[in-house]
Amino acid sequence: MKYKITLILLFVGLLFSHSQSEIEQINTVLYDYIEGTANGQPDRLKRAFDDNFNLYFVKEDSLQVWSGKQYIANVKPGQKSNRIGKVLSIDYEGGAAIAKIEILMPERKRIYTDYLMLLKVNRQWKIIHKSFTFKNYPK
């Protein structure tokens, strides 16, 4: 009986540590995105995003698609922007994940909400899709 309990605890511990390491890996990618845009670090964005990633948003009631390559090209090395980001949630199963990010932009007086889809490709998490919306700061 003692042997079975030890095996069960070992198995649960392995599952928990695996789960933690996946969350940590996803978080690293998310903060490469958040800090890369805030601190003018396009290399961090390239590390976070898949080569084929695009951004999606609605403007004047119409779906807009923004090339991920163009988005990264707009981030100039060393050019900081006043963006304060944080991860609100992460959900994953196997090699697929979704994250919700909040970005405060005081100069524009906006709060952005990003929904990011991630996939684990070649043992690395990558953001493959970003959709976003914003609201103005409350008056």
Protein backbone atom coordinates (compact mmCIF):
# COMPACT_ATOMS: atom_id res chain seq x y z
CA MET A 1 0.00 0.00 0.00
CA LYS A 2 2.81 2.40 0.92
CA TYR A 3 4.42 1.67 -2.47
CA LYS A 4 1.18 2.56 -4.33
CA ILE A 5 0.78 5.84 -2.45
CA THR A 6 4.38 6.78 -3.27
CA LEU A 7 3.83 6.04 -6.96
CA ILE A 8 0.61 8.05 -7.02
CA LEU A 9 2.28 11.03 -5.32
CA LEU A 10 5.23 10.79 -7.72
CA PHE A 11 2.87 10.72 -10.72
CA VAL A 12 0.86 13.71 -9.44
CA GLY A 13 4.13 15.59 -8.79
CA LEU A 14 5.32 14.91 -12.33
CA LEU A 15 2.03 16.12 -13.79
CA PHE A 16 2.15 19.27 -11.68
CA SER A 17 5.77 20.08 -12.58
CA HIS A 18 5.06 19.46 -16.27
CA SER A 19 2.06 21.75 -16.07
CA GLN A 20 4.08 24.45 -14.33
CA SER A 21 6.87 24.28 -16.88
CA GLU A 22 4.40 24.62 -19.76
CA ILE A 23 2.83 27.69 -18.13
CA GLU A 24 6.29 29.14 -17.52
CA GLN A 25 7.24 28.56 -21.17
CA ILE A 26 4.04 30.22 -22.39
CA ASN A 27 4.57 33.12 -19.98
CA THR A 28 8.09 33.63 -21.33
CA VAL A 29 6.71 33.95 -24.87
CA LEU A 30 3.98 36.35 -23.71
CA TYR A 31 6.48 38.58 -21.94
CA ASP A 32 8.77 38.52 -24.98
CA TYR A 33 5.80 40.08 -26.78
CA ILE A 34 4.85 42.51 -23.99
CA GLU A 35 8.37 43.69 -23.17
CA GLY A 36 9.60 43.52 -26.75
CA THR A 37 6.99 46.04 -27.89
CA ALA A 38 7.41 48.26 -24.81
CA ASN A 39 11.21 48.36 -24.97
CA GLY A 40 11.85 48.45 -28.71
CA GLN A 41 13.17 44.89 -28.99
CA PRO A 42 12.07 43.45 -32.35
CA ASP A 43 14.26 40.36 -31.81
CA ARG A 44 12.12 39.42 -28.82
CA LEU A 45 9.01 39.78 -31.00
CA LYS A 46 10.53 37.55 -33.67
CA ARG A 47 11.20 34.99 -30.96
CA ALA A 48 7.61 35.20 -29.67
CA PHE A 49 5.70 35.19 -32.96
CA ASP A 50 5.45 32.55 -35.65
CA ASP A 51 6.63 33.74 -39.08
CA ASN A 52 3.07 33.52 -40.44
CA PHE A 53 1.31 35.35 -37.62
CA ASN A 54 -1.16 38.17 -38.31
CA LEU A 55 -3.20 40.57 -36.21
CA TYR A 56 -6.95 40.97 -36.54
CA PHE A 57 -9.13 43.85 -35.41
CA VAL A 58 -12.32 45.69 -36.33
CA LYS A 59 -12.19 49.25 -37.64
CA GLU A 60 -15.31 51.13 -38.70
CA ASP A 61 -17.31 47.90 -38.45
CA SER A 62 -14.98 46.06 -40.85
CA LEU A 63 -12.50 43.26 -40.22
CA GLN A 64 -8.90 44.41 -40.66
CA VAL A 65 -5.84 42.18 -41.03
CA TRP A 66 -2.39 43.50 -40.19
CA SER A 67 0.68 41.58 -41.30
CA GLY A 68 2.74 40.28 -38.42
CA LYS A 69 5.93 41.08 -40.32
CA GLN A 70 4.80 44.71 -40.69
CA TYR A 71 3.85 44.85 -37.02
CA ILE A 72 7.35 43.73 -36.01
CA ALA A 73 8.96 46.10 -38.56
CA ASN A 74 7.18 49.02 -36.82
CA VAL A 75 9.08 48.28 -33.59
CA LYS A 76 12.38 50.14 -33.85
CA PRO A 77 15.36 48.83 -31.86
CA GLY A 78 15.78 50.76 -28.62
CA GLN A 79 12.70 52.95 -29.19
CA LYS A 80 10.65 52.55 -26.04
CA SER A 81 6.91 53.09 -25.95
CA ASN A 82 4.76 53.85 -22.95
CA ARG A 83 2.95 50.50 -22.78
CA ILE A 84 2.22 48.67 -19.57
CA GLY A 85 1.24 45.06 -20.18
CA LYS A 86 0.25 42.13 -18.04
CA VAL A 87 -0.98 38.60 -18.57
CA LEU A 88 -4.56 38.19 -17.38
CA SER A 89 -5.06 34.50 -18.16
CA ILE A 90 -3.57 31.45 -19.86
CA ASP A 91 -5.40 28.29 -20.82
CA TYR A 92 -3.71 25.38 -22.57
CA GLU A 93 -4.26 21.78 -23.50
CA GLY A 94 -1.51 19.73 -25.07
CA GLY A 95 0.18 21.87 -27.70
CA ALA A 96 -2.46 24.60 -28.00
CA ALA A 97 -2.99 27.66 -25.79
CA ILE A 98 -4.89 30.91 -25.56
CA ALA A 99 -3.90 33.94 -23.52
CA LYS A 100 -5.57 37.20 -22.59
CA ILE A 101 -3.32 40.25 -22.23
CA GLU A 102 -4.08 43.77 -21.04
CA ILE A 103 -2.02 46.68 -22.36
CA LEU A 104 -2.39 50.14 -20.82
CA MET A 105 -1.35 52.98 -23.10
CA PRO A 106 -1.44 56.18 -21.01
CA GLU A 107 -0.43 58.53 -23.85
CA ARG A 108 -3.34 57.35 -26.00
CA LYS A 109 -5.59 57.01 -22.93
CA ARG A 110 -6.53 53.51 -24.04
CA ILE A 111 -6.73 50.05 -22.55
CA TYR A 112 -6.10 47.31 -25.10
CA THR A 113 -7.19 43.71 -24.67
CA ASP A 114 -5.28 41.16 -26.73
CA TYR A 115 -6.39 37.59 -27.31
CA LEU A 116 -3.44 35.48 -28.39
CA MET A 117 -3.49 31.96 -29.80
CA LEU A 118 -0.34 29.91 -29.35
CA LEU A 119 0.83 26.56 -30.66
CA LYS A 120 3.79 24.49 -29.59
CA VAL A 121 5.89 23.82 -32.69
CA ASN A 122 9.21 21.95 -32.52
CA ARG A 123 8.99 22.06 -28.69
CA GLN A 124 8.63 25.87 -28.67
CA TRP A 125 5.53 27.93 -27.97
CA LYS A 126 4.79 30.56 -30.63
CA ILE A 127 2.05 33.16 -30.94
CA ILE A 128 0.27 32.37 -34.19
CA HIS A 129 -2.68 34.79 -33.99
CA LYS A 130 -3.52 38.03 -32.26
CA SER A 131 -6.89 39.70 -32.16
CA PHE A 132 -7.39 42.85 -30.17
CA THR A 133 -9.77 45.58 -29.16
CA PHE A 134 -9.49 48.69 -27.03
CA LYS A 135 -11.51 51.06 -24.91
CA ASN A 136 -10.74 54.59 -23.86
CA TYR A 137 -9.82 55.31 -20.26
CA PRO A 138 -12.87 55.98 -18.11
CA LYS A 139 -13.51 59.72 -17.70
